[in-house]
N, C-alpha and C. Protein backbone atom coordinates (compact mmCIF):
# COMPACT_ATOMS: atom_id res chain seq x y z
N MET A 1 -116.44 -125.81 -113.87
CA MET A 1 -117.71 -126.28 -113.33
C MET A 1 -118.44 -125.15 -112.62
N ARG A 2 -117.68 -124.37 -111.84
CA ARG A 2 -118.28 -123.26 -111.10
C ARG A 2 -118.91 -122.25 -112.06
N ARG A 3 -118.24 -121.98 -113.18
CA ARG A 3 -118.77 -121.04 -114.17
C ARG A 3 -120.06 -121.57 -114.80
N ILE A 4 -120.12 -122.88 -115.01
CA ILE A 4 -121.32 -123.47 -115.59
C ILE A 4 -122.50 -123.31 -114.63
N ILE A 5 -122.28 -123.61 -113.36
CA ILE A 5 -123.33 -123.48 -112.36
C ILE A 5 -123.78 -122.03 -112.24
N LEU A 6 -122.81 -121.10 -112.21
CA LEU A 6 -123.15 -119.69 -112.13
C LEU A 6 -123.94 -119.26 -113.36
N GLY A 7 -123.54 -119.75 -114.53
CA GLY A 7 -124.25 -119.43 -115.76
C GLY A 7 -125.68 -119.93 -115.75
N ILE A 8 -125.86 -121.15 -115.28
CA ILE A 8 -127.21 -121.71 -115.19
C ILE A 8 -128.06 -120.89 -114.21
N ALA A 9 -127.50 -120.54 -113.07
CA ALA A 9 -128.22 -119.74 -112.07
C ALA A 9 -128.61 -118.38 -112.66
N MET A 10 -127.71 -117.76 -113.37
CA MET A 10 -128.01 -116.46 -113.97
C MET A 10 -129.09 -116.60 -115.04
N PHE A 11 -129.03 -117.68 -115.82
CA PHE A 11 -130.04 -117.92 -116.85
C PHE A 11 -131.42 -118.09 -116.22
N LEU A 12 -131.50 -118.91 -115.18
CA LEU A 12 -132.78 -119.15 -114.51
C LEU A 12 -133.30 -117.87 -113.87
N THR A 13 -132.41 -117.08 -113.29
CA THR A 13 -132.82 -115.81 -112.69
C THR A 13 -133.37 -114.88 -113.75
N SER A 14 -132.76 -114.91 -114.95
CA SER A 14 -133.26 -114.03 -116.01
C SER A 14 -134.64 -114.46 -116.48
N LEU A 15 -134.93 -115.75 -116.40
CA LEU A 15 -136.25 -116.23 -116.80
C LEU A 15 -137.32 -115.91 -115.77
N TRP A 16 -137.04 -116.20 -114.52
CA TRP A 16 -138.06 -116.10 -113.48
C TRP A 16 -137.81 -114.98 -112.49
N GLY A 17 -136.69 -114.36 -112.55
CA GLY A 17 -136.34 -113.34 -111.56
C GLY A 17 -135.80 -114.03 -110.32
N PRO A 18 -135.33 -113.26 -109.37
CA PRO A 18 -134.75 -113.86 -108.17
C PRO A 18 -135.79 -114.66 -107.39
N MET A 19 -135.35 -115.77 -106.83
CA MET A 19 -136.27 -116.61 -106.06
C MET A 19 -136.41 -116.09 -104.64
N GLU A 20 -135.66 -115.07 -104.30
CA GLU A 20 -135.73 -114.50 -102.97
C GLU A 20 -136.97 -113.63 -102.82
N LEU A 21 -136.76 -112.47 -102.28
CA LEU A 21 -137.83 -111.55 -101.93
C LEU A 21 -138.36 -110.82 -103.15
N ARG A 22 -139.65 -110.76 -103.28
CA ARG A 22 -140.28 -109.96 -104.33
C ARG A 22 -141.36 -109.12 -103.69
N ALA A 23 -141.40 -107.88 -104.08
CA ALA A 23 -142.37 -106.97 -103.49
C ALA A 23 -143.37 -106.47 -104.52
N GLU A 24 -143.54 -107.19 -105.66
CA GLU A 24 -144.45 -106.70 -106.69
C GLU A 24 -145.88 -106.58 -106.20
N SER A 25 -146.25 -107.35 -105.19
CA SER A 25 -147.60 -107.32 -104.65
C SER A 25 -147.70 -106.48 -103.38
N ALA A 26 -146.56 -105.99 -102.90
CA ALA A 26 -146.56 -105.25 -101.63
C ALA A 26 -147.52 -104.07 -101.72
N GLY A 27 -148.31 -103.93 -100.68
CA GLY A 27 -149.27 -102.84 -100.61
C GLY A 27 -150.65 -103.21 -101.14
N ALA A 28 -150.73 -104.23 -101.98
CA ALA A 28 -152.01 -104.67 -102.52
C ALA A 28 -152.79 -105.41 -101.43
N SER A 29 -154.09 -105.34 -101.52
CA SER A 29 -154.93 -106.10 -100.59
C SER A 29 -154.86 -107.58 -100.96
N ALA A 30 -154.96 -108.41 -99.95
CA ALA A 30 -155.00 -109.85 -100.21
C ALA A 30 -156.23 -110.17 -101.05
N PRO A 31 -156.09 -111.05 -102.03
CA PRO A 31 -157.25 -111.42 -102.83
C PRO A 31 -158.28 -112.16 -101.98
N ALA A 32 -159.50 -112.18 -102.47
CA ALA A 32 -160.56 -112.91 -101.78
C ALA A 32 -160.26 -114.40 -101.81
N PHE A 33 -160.35 -115.04 -100.66
CA PHE A 33 -160.14 -116.49 -100.58
C PHE A 33 -160.81 -117.03 -99.34
N GLU A 34 -161.00 -118.34 -99.34
CA GLU A 34 -161.51 -119.04 -98.18
C GLU A 34 -160.90 -120.42 -98.15
N LEU A 35 -160.46 -120.82 -96.97
CA LEU A 35 -159.86 -122.14 -96.75
C LEU A 35 -160.49 -122.77 -95.51
N VAL A 36 -160.56 -124.08 -95.49
CA VAL A 36 -160.97 -124.81 -94.30
C VAL A 36 -159.81 -125.71 -93.92
N THR A 37 -159.36 -125.58 -92.67
CA THR A 37 -158.22 -126.37 -92.21
C THR A 37 -158.63 -127.82 -91.99
N PHE A 38 -157.63 -128.67 -91.80
CA PHE A 38 -157.91 -130.08 -91.51
C PHE A 38 -158.64 -130.23 -90.18
N ALA A 39 -158.54 -129.22 -89.30
CA ALA A 39 -159.25 -129.24 -88.02
C ALA A 39 -160.66 -128.66 -88.14
N GLY A 40 -161.06 -128.22 -89.36
CA GLY A 40 -162.40 -127.71 -89.58
C GLY A 40 -162.56 -126.21 -89.38
N GLU A 41 -161.47 -125.49 -89.11
CA GLU A 41 -161.53 -124.03 -88.95
C GLU A 41 -161.56 -123.37 -90.32
N SER A 42 -162.33 -122.29 -90.42
CA SER A 42 -162.44 -121.56 -91.68
C SER A 42 -161.61 -120.28 -91.60
N TYR A 43 -160.85 -120.03 -92.66
CA TYR A 43 -160.04 -118.82 -92.77
C TYR A 43 -160.33 -118.16 -94.11
N SER A 44 -160.40 -116.84 -94.10
CA SER A 44 -160.62 -116.10 -95.34
C SER A 44 -159.85 -114.79 -95.27
N ASN A 45 -159.81 -114.10 -96.39
CA ASN A 45 -159.15 -112.79 -96.40
C ASN A 45 -159.83 -111.84 -95.41
N VAL A 46 -161.12 -112.00 -95.19
CA VAL A 46 -161.84 -111.14 -94.26
C VAL A 46 -161.58 -111.56 -92.81
N SER A 47 -161.63 -112.85 -92.52
CA SER A 47 -161.47 -113.31 -91.14
C SER A 47 -160.06 -113.10 -90.60
N LEU A 48 -159.08 -112.99 -91.49
CA LEU A 48 -157.70 -112.80 -91.04
C LEU A 48 -157.39 -111.35 -90.68
N ARG A 49 -158.25 -110.43 -91.06
CA ARG A 49 -158.01 -109.02 -90.74
C ARG A 49 -158.04 -108.82 -89.23
N GLY A 50 -157.23 -107.87 -88.79
CA GLY A 50 -157.15 -107.58 -87.36
C GLY A 50 -155.89 -108.16 -86.73
N ARG A 51 -155.19 -109.02 -87.49
CA ARG A 51 -153.97 -109.64 -86.98
C ARG A 51 -153.03 -109.90 -88.15
N PRO A 52 -151.77 -109.53 -88.04
CA PRO A 52 -150.82 -109.87 -89.11
C PRO A 52 -150.74 -111.39 -89.26
N MET A 53 -150.62 -111.86 -90.50
CA MET A 53 -150.60 -113.29 -90.77
C MET A 53 -149.49 -113.63 -91.76
N LEU A 54 -148.92 -114.79 -91.56
CA LEU A 54 -147.97 -115.36 -92.51
C LEU A 54 -148.64 -116.57 -93.14
N LEU A 55 -148.87 -116.50 -94.45
CA LEU A 55 -149.42 -117.64 -95.19
C LEU A 55 -148.24 -118.39 -95.79
N VAL A 56 -148.22 -119.70 -95.60
CA VAL A 56 -147.10 -120.52 -96.06
C VAL A 56 -147.64 -121.54 -97.06
N PHE A 57 -147.29 -121.37 -98.32
CA PHE A 57 -147.69 -122.30 -99.38
C PHE A 57 -146.58 -123.31 -99.57
N TRP A 58 -146.92 -124.61 -99.54
CA TRP A 58 -145.92 -125.67 -99.61
C TRP A 58 -146.52 -126.91 -100.28
N ALA A 59 -145.65 -127.85 -100.60
CA ALA A 59 -146.08 -129.14 -101.16
C ALA A 59 -145.28 -130.26 -100.52
N PRO A 60 -145.88 -131.43 -100.32
CA PRO A 60 -145.18 -132.54 -99.66
C PRO A 60 -143.92 -133.01 -100.39
N TRP A 61 -143.89 -132.94 -101.70
CA TRP A 61 -142.76 -133.42 -102.49
C TRP A 61 -141.62 -132.42 -102.55
N CYS A 62 -141.82 -131.22 -102.08
CA CYS A 62 -140.83 -130.14 -102.16
C CYS A 62 -139.74 -130.34 -101.11
N LYS A 63 -138.52 -130.59 -101.57
CA LYS A 63 -137.39 -130.83 -100.65
C LYS A 63 -137.09 -129.59 -99.80
N VAL A 64 -137.19 -128.41 -100.38
CA VAL A 64 -136.96 -127.18 -99.62
C VAL A 64 -138.02 -127.04 -98.53
N CYS A 65 -139.26 -127.35 -98.87
CA CYS A 65 -140.35 -127.29 -97.88
C CYS A 65 -140.09 -128.27 -96.74
N GLN A 66 -139.61 -129.44 -97.07
CA GLN A 66 -139.33 -130.46 -96.05
C GLN A 66 -138.29 -129.97 -95.05
N ARG A 67 -137.36 -129.13 -95.50
CA ARG A 67 -136.37 -128.53 -94.59
C ARG A 67 -136.92 -127.30 -93.88
N GLU A 68 -137.69 -126.50 -94.59
CA GLU A 68 -138.16 -125.22 -94.06
C GLU A 68 -139.28 -125.36 -93.03
N LEU A 69 -140.19 -126.30 -93.23
CA LEU A 69 -141.35 -126.41 -92.34
C LEU A 69 -140.96 -126.68 -90.88
N PRO A 70 -140.04 -127.59 -90.58
CA PRO A 70 -139.63 -127.75 -89.18
C PRO A 70 -138.96 -126.49 -88.62
N ALA A 71 -138.19 -125.78 -89.44
CA ALA A 71 -137.56 -124.53 -88.99
C ALA A 71 -138.63 -123.48 -88.72
N LEU A 72 -139.67 -123.45 -89.54
CA LEU A 72 -140.77 -122.52 -89.33
C LEU A 72 -141.47 -122.83 -88.01
N THR A 73 -141.66 -124.09 -87.71
CA THR A 73 -142.29 -124.49 -86.45
C THR A 73 -141.45 -124.04 -85.26
N GLU A 74 -140.15 -124.23 -85.36
CA GLU A 74 -139.25 -123.79 -84.29
C GLU A 74 -139.36 -122.28 -84.10
N TRP A 75 -139.36 -121.53 -85.20
CA TRP A 75 -139.51 -120.07 -85.13
C TRP A 75 -140.87 -119.71 -84.52
N TYR A 76 -141.91 -120.41 -84.95
CA TYR A 76 -143.27 -120.16 -84.47
C TYR A 76 -143.35 -120.32 -82.95
N GLN A 77 -142.68 -121.32 -82.42
CA GLN A 77 -142.71 -121.58 -80.99
C GLN A 77 -141.79 -120.65 -80.20
N ARG A 78 -140.67 -120.27 -80.80
CA ARG A 78 -139.64 -119.58 -80.03
C ARG A 78 -139.54 -118.08 -80.31
N ASP A 79 -139.55 -117.69 -81.58
CA ASP A 79 -139.14 -116.32 -81.93
C ASP A 79 -140.22 -115.41 -82.48
N ARG A 80 -141.29 -115.95 -82.99
CA ARG A 80 -142.22 -115.10 -83.73
C ARG A 80 -142.84 -114.04 -82.82
N PRO A 81 -143.09 -112.87 -83.38
CA PRO A 81 -143.82 -111.86 -82.60
C PRO A 81 -145.19 -112.41 -82.24
N GLY A 82 -145.62 -112.17 -81.03
CA GLY A 82 -146.89 -112.71 -80.54
C GLY A 82 -148.10 -112.35 -81.35
N LYS A 83 -148.04 -111.24 -82.05
CA LYS A 83 -149.19 -110.78 -82.82
C LYS A 83 -149.33 -111.48 -84.16
N VAL A 84 -148.31 -112.17 -84.63
CA VAL A 84 -148.32 -112.74 -85.98
C VAL A 84 -148.82 -114.18 -85.94
N GLY A 85 -149.85 -114.45 -86.73
CA GLY A 85 -150.37 -115.80 -86.86
C GLY A 85 -149.79 -116.46 -88.10
N VAL A 86 -149.90 -117.77 -88.17
CA VAL A 86 -149.42 -118.54 -89.31
C VAL A 86 -150.52 -119.47 -89.78
N VAL A 87 -150.73 -119.51 -91.09
CA VAL A 87 -151.61 -120.51 -91.69
C VAL A 87 -150.81 -121.22 -92.77
N SER A 88 -150.72 -122.53 -92.65
CA SER A 88 -150.00 -123.38 -93.59
C SER A 88 -150.97 -123.87 -94.65
N ILE A 89 -150.55 -123.78 -95.93
CA ILE A 89 -151.43 -124.15 -97.02
C ILE A 89 -150.73 -125.15 -97.94
N GLY A 90 -151.15 -126.41 -97.85
CA GLY A 90 -150.62 -127.44 -98.74
C GLY A 90 -151.31 -127.36 -100.08
N PHE A 91 -150.54 -127.46 -101.16
CA PHE A 91 -151.12 -127.41 -102.50
C PHE A 91 -150.19 -128.13 -103.46
N ALA A 92 -150.53 -128.12 -104.73
CA ALA A 92 -149.71 -128.71 -105.79
C ALA A 92 -149.51 -130.22 -105.61
N ASP A 93 -150.48 -130.86 -104.99
CA ASP A 93 -150.46 -132.31 -104.79
C ASP A 93 -151.89 -132.72 -104.45
N THR A 94 -152.11 -134.00 -104.28
CA THR A 94 -153.45 -134.47 -103.92
C THR A 94 -153.73 -134.21 -102.45
N ARG A 95 -155.01 -134.12 -102.13
CA ARG A 95 -155.41 -133.95 -100.73
C ARG A 95 -154.85 -135.10 -99.89
N THR A 96 -154.93 -136.31 -100.40
CA THR A 96 -154.45 -137.48 -99.66
C THR A 96 -152.98 -137.34 -99.31
N ASN A 97 -152.15 -136.93 -100.26
CA ASN A 97 -150.72 -136.78 -99.99
C ASN A 97 -150.44 -135.66 -99.00
N VAL A 98 -151.14 -134.54 -99.14
CA VAL A 98 -150.94 -133.43 -98.22
C VAL A 98 -151.37 -133.83 -96.81
N GLU A 99 -152.55 -134.44 -96.71
CA GLU A 99 -153.06 -134.85 -95.40
C GLU A 99 -152.14 -135.89 -94.74
N ARG A 100 -151.66 -136.85 -95.51
CA ARG A 100 -150.75 -137.86 -94.98
C ARG A 100 -149.46 -137.20 -94.47
N PHE A 101 -148.92 -136.28 -95.26
CA PHE A 101 -147.69 -135.57 -94.89
C PHE A 101 -147.88 -134.84 -93.55
N VAL A 102 -149.02 -134.18 -93.39
CA VAL A 102 -149.31 -133.44 -92.16
C VAL A 102 -149.47 -134.40 -90.99
N LYS A 103 -150.23 -135.48 -91.17
CA LYS A 103 -150.46 -136.45 -90.08
C LYS A 103 -149.18 -137.13 -89.64
N GLU A 104 -148.25 -137.36 -90.55
CA GLU A 104 -146.98 -138.01 -90.21
C GLU A 104 -146.03 -137.07 -89.46
N ARG A 105 -146.36 -135.77 -89.41
CA ARG A 105 -145.49 -134.78 -88.78
C ARG A 105 -146.28 -133.89 -87.81
N PRO A 106 -146.90 -134.48 -86.79
CA PRO A 106 -147.73 -133.67 -85.89
C PRO A 106 -146.92 -132.61 -85.13
N GLY A 107 -145.66 -132.86 -84.90
CA GLY A 107 -144.82 -131.88 -84.20
C GLY A 107 -144.46 -130.70 -85.07
N THR A 108 -144.59 -130.85 -86.37
CA THR A 108 -144.28 -129.76 -87.30
C THR A 108 -145.49 -128.88 -87.52
N PHE A 109 -146.64 -129.48 -87.72
CA PHE A 109 -147.84 -128.72 -88.08
C PHE A 109 -148.65 -128.37 -86.83
N ILE A 110 -148.10 -127.45 -86.05
CA ILE A 110 -148.77 -127.01 -84.82
C ILE A 110 -149.61 -125.76 -85.05
N TYR A 111 -149.57 -125.22 -86.24
CA TYR A 111 -150.37 -124.07 -86.63
C TYR A 111 -151.46 -124.55 -87.58
N PRO A 112 -152.49 -123.76 -87.80
CA PRO A 112 -153.57 -124.20 -88.69
C PRO A 112 -153.03 -124.57 -90.07
N THR A 113 -153.50 -125.70 -90.59
CA THR A 113 -153.05 -126.18 -91.89
C THR A 113 -154.25 -126.57 -92.73
N ALA A 114 -154.23 -126.11 -93.98
CA ALA A 114 -155.35 -126.34 -94.89
C ALA A 114 -154.82 -126.92 -96.20
N TYR A 115 -155.74 -127.46 -96.97
CA TYR A 115 -155.44 -127.94 -98.32
C TYR A 115 -156.10 -127.00 -99.31
N ASP A 116 -155.34 -126.55 -100.29
CA ASP A 116 -155.85 -125.63 -101.32
C ASP A 116 -156.39 -126.45 -102.48
N GLU A 117 -157.67 -126.75 -102.40
CA GLU A 117 -158.36 -127.55 -103.43
C GLU A 117 -158.26 -126.84 -104.78
N ASP A 118 -157.78 -127.54 -105.78
CA ASP A 118 -157.65 -127.01 -107.14
C ASP A 118 -156.78 -125.77 -107.25
N ARG A 119 -155.97 -125.50 -106.24
CA ARG A 119 -155.00 -124.39 -106.24
C ARG A 119 -155.65 -123.01 -106.39
N TRP A 120 -156.89 -122.87 -105.96
CA TRP A 120 -157.59 -121.59 -106.11
C TRP A 120 -156.89 -120.48 -105.34
N VAL A 121 -156.50 -120.75 -104.10
CA VAL A 121 -155.87 -119.72 -103.28
C VAL A 121 -154.47 -119.42 -103.81
N ALA A 122 -153.72 -120.44 -104.16
CA ALA A 122 -152.38 -120.22 -104.72
C ALA A 122 -152.47 -119.36 -105.98
N GLN A 123 -153.42 -119.65 -106.84
CA GLN A 123 -153.59 -118.85 -108.06
C GLN A 123 -153.98 -117.41 -107.73
N ALA A 124 -154.83 -117.23 -106.75
CA ALA A 124 -155.25 -115.88 -106.37
C ALA A 124 -154.06 -115.04 -105.90
N PHE A 125 -153.11 -115.69 -105.20
CA PHE A 125 -151.92 -115.00 -104.72
C PHE A 125 -150.76 -115.07 -105.73
N LYS A 126 -151.01 -115.66 -106.89
CA LYS A 126 -149.99 -115.82 -107.94
C LYS A 126 -148.78 -116.61 -107.45
N VAL A 127 -149.06 -117.65 -106.66
CA VAL A 127 -148.00 -118.52 -106.15
C VAL A 127 -147.65 -119.53 -107.24
N ASN A 128 -146.38 -119.58 -107.60
CA ASN A 128 -145.92 -120.51 -108.63
C ASN A 128 -144.65 -121.24 -108.22
N ALA A 129 -144.33 -121.19 -106.93
CA ALA A 129 -143.13 -121.87 -106.43
C ALA A 129 -143.40 -122.34 -105.01
N THR A 130 -142.71 -123.41 -104.64
CA THR A 130 -142.80 -123.90 -103.26
C THR A 130 -141.43 -123.83 -102.63
N PRO A 131 -141.35 -123.42 -101.40
CA PRO A 131 -142.40 -122.75 -100.65
C PRO A 131 -142.53 -121.29 -101.09
N THR A 132 -143.68 -120.71 -100.81
CA THR A 132 -143.89 -119.28 -100.97
C THR A 132 -144.53 -118.78 -99.68
N TYR A 133 -143.99 -117.68 -99.18
CA TYR A 133 -144.47 -117.06 -97.95
C TYR A 133 -145.12 -115.73 -98.31
N VAL A 134 -146.30 -115.48 -97.76
CA VAL A 134 -146.99 -114.21 -97.97
C VAL A 134 -147.28 -113.62 -96.60
N LEU A 135 -146.69 -112.46 -96.33
CA LEU A 135 -146.90 -111.79 -95.05
C LEU A 135 -147.94 -110.69 -95.24
N LEU A 136 -149.01 -110.78 -94.45
CA LEU A 136 -150.10 -109.80 -94.51
C LEU A 136 -150.09 -108.95 -93.24
N ASP A 137 -150.40 -107.67 -93.39
CA ASP A 137 -150.53 -106.84 -92.20
C ASP A 137 -151.94 -107.02 -91.62
N ALA A 138 -152.21 -106.33 -90.52
CA ALA A 138 -153.49 -106.51 -89.83
C ALA A 138 -154.69 -106.01 -90.64
N GLN A 139 -154.43 -105.18 -91.64
CA GLN A 139 -155.51 -104.68 -92.49
C GLN A 139 -155.74 -105.57 -93.72
N GLY A 140 -154.94 -106.62 -93.85
CA GLY A 140 -155.11 -107.53 -94.98
C GLY A 140 -154.32 -107.13 -96.22
N SER A 141 -153.39 -106.21 -96.07
CA SER A 141 -152.54 -105.82 -97.19
C SER A 141 -151.30 -106.71 -97.23
N ILE A 142 -150.84 -106.97 -98.42
CA ILE A 142 -149.64 -107.79 -98.60
C ILE A 142 -148.41 -106.94 -98.31
N LEU A 143 -147.62 -107.37 -97.33
CA LEU A 143 -146.38 -106.69 -97.01
C LEU A 143 -145.20 -107.27 -97.78
N LEU A 144 -145.26 -108.59 -98.03
CA LEU A 144 -144.11 -109.27 -98.57
C LEU A 144 -144.52 -110.58 -99.22
N VAL A 145 -143.91 -110.90 -100.35
CA VAL A 145 -144.03 -112.22 -100.97
C VAL A 145 -142.60 -112.73 -101.11
N HIS A 146 -142.33 -113.88 -100.52
CA HIS A 146 -140.99 -114.47 -100.55
C HIS A 146 -141.10 -115.86 -101.15
N ARG A 147 -140.47 -116.06 -102.29
CA ARG A 147 -140.49 -117.36 -102.96
C ARG A 147 -139.17 -118.09 -102.67
N GLY A 148 -139.30 -119.37 -102.34
CA GLY A 148 -138.11 -120.18 -102.08
C GLY A 148 -137.77 -120.21 -100.61
N GLY A 149 -136.67 -120.88 -100.31
CA GLY A 149 -136.26 -121.06 -98.92
C GLY A 149 -135.58 -119.82 -98.35
N GLY A 150 -135.36 -119.87 -97.05
CA GLY A 150 -134.57 -118.85 -96.38
C GLY A 150 -135.32 -117.63 -95.87
N VAL A 151 -136.62 -117.67 -95.82
CA VAL A 151 -137.35 -116.48 -95.37
C VAL A 151 -136.99 -116.10 -93.93
N LEU A 152 -136.76 -117.07 -93.08
CA LEU A 152 -136.47 -116.76 -91.68
C LEU A 152 -135.13 -116.07 -91.49
N GLN A 153 -134.23 -116.24 -92.45
CA GLN A 153 -132.93 -115.58 -92.38
C GLN A 153 -132.92 -114.25 -93.12
N ASN A 154 -133.98 -113.92 -93.82
CA ASN A 154 -134.02 -112.73 -94.64
C ASN A 154 -134.14 -111.48 -93.76
N PRO A 155 -133.19 -110.55 -93.87
CA PRO A 155 -133.24 -109.35 -93.03
C PRO A 155 -134.49 -108.50 -93.26
N GLN A 156 -135.00 -108.43 -94.48
CA GLN A 156 -136.21 -107.65 -94.74
C GLN A 156 -137.42 -108.26 -94.06
N PHE A 157 -137.50 -109.58 -94.07
CA PHE A 157 -138.59 -110.27 -93.38
C PHE A 157 -138.52 -109.98 -91.89
N ARG A 158 -137.33 -110.10 -91.32
CA ARG A 158 -137.13 -109.84 -89.89
C ARG A 158 -137.50 -108.39 -89.54
N GLU A 159 -137.12 -107.46 -90.41
CA GLU A 159 -137.43 -106.05 -90.18
C GLU A 159 -138.93 -105.81 -90.20
N LEU A 160 -139.61 -106.40 -91.17
CA LEU A 160 -141.06 -106.27 -91.24
C LEU A 160 -141.72 -106.84 -89.98
N LEU A 161 -141.24 -107.99 -89.52
CA LEU A 161 -141.80 -108.60 -88.32
C LEU A 161 -141.60 -107.70 -87.10
N SER A 162 -140.43 -107.12 -86.97
CA SER A 162 -140.18 -106.26 -85.80
C SER A 162 -141.08 -105.02 -85.86
N GLY A 163 -141.39 -104.55 -87.07
CA GLY A 163 -142.32 -103.43 -87.21
C GLY A 163 -143.73 -103.80 -86.81
N LEU A 164 -144.10 -105.05 -87.00
CA LEU A 164 -145.44 -105.52 -86.62
C LEU A 164 -145.59 -105.62 -85.10
N GLU A 165 -144.46 -105.81 -84.41
CA GLU A 165 -144.52 -105.93 -82.95
C GLU A 165 -144.90 -104.61 -82.31
N GLY A 166 -144.35 -103.52 -82.87
CA GLY A 166 -144.50 -102.21 -82.25
C GLY A 166 -145.85 -101.64 -82.40
């Protein structure tokens, strides 16, 4: 059984590559985008410059997202470097489902949260998995793209964050 599971994992990895850290976009400027949060705040690739940002792409039906989002909130409140902002981006579902998910979890969504209408922003960032984390530096360049769970435990992510503090 273990060999079968390992074989399936290796097969999937060969198709899509590792679900962990990918740096194919590292160094590239963030694509042009604009989002309006549920609170009415506007965010764009231009307005986010001047401060490192973590963009979090997620979907309400995603079981990994359901586990990761509360952990992200805990990190946001307790551990994150003060200079790093977070914008949560719900996508891959209807606005109604995303909005309901956010309203039912007010303790989780303490950072700005937006809905990506028609997946325009996700497509611009080439997001094809939930969750996907995109870390931008203060100049708007992509430092890291992390697909799947476990970003908070990733040593490379932690290293990049500590570099942003200094």
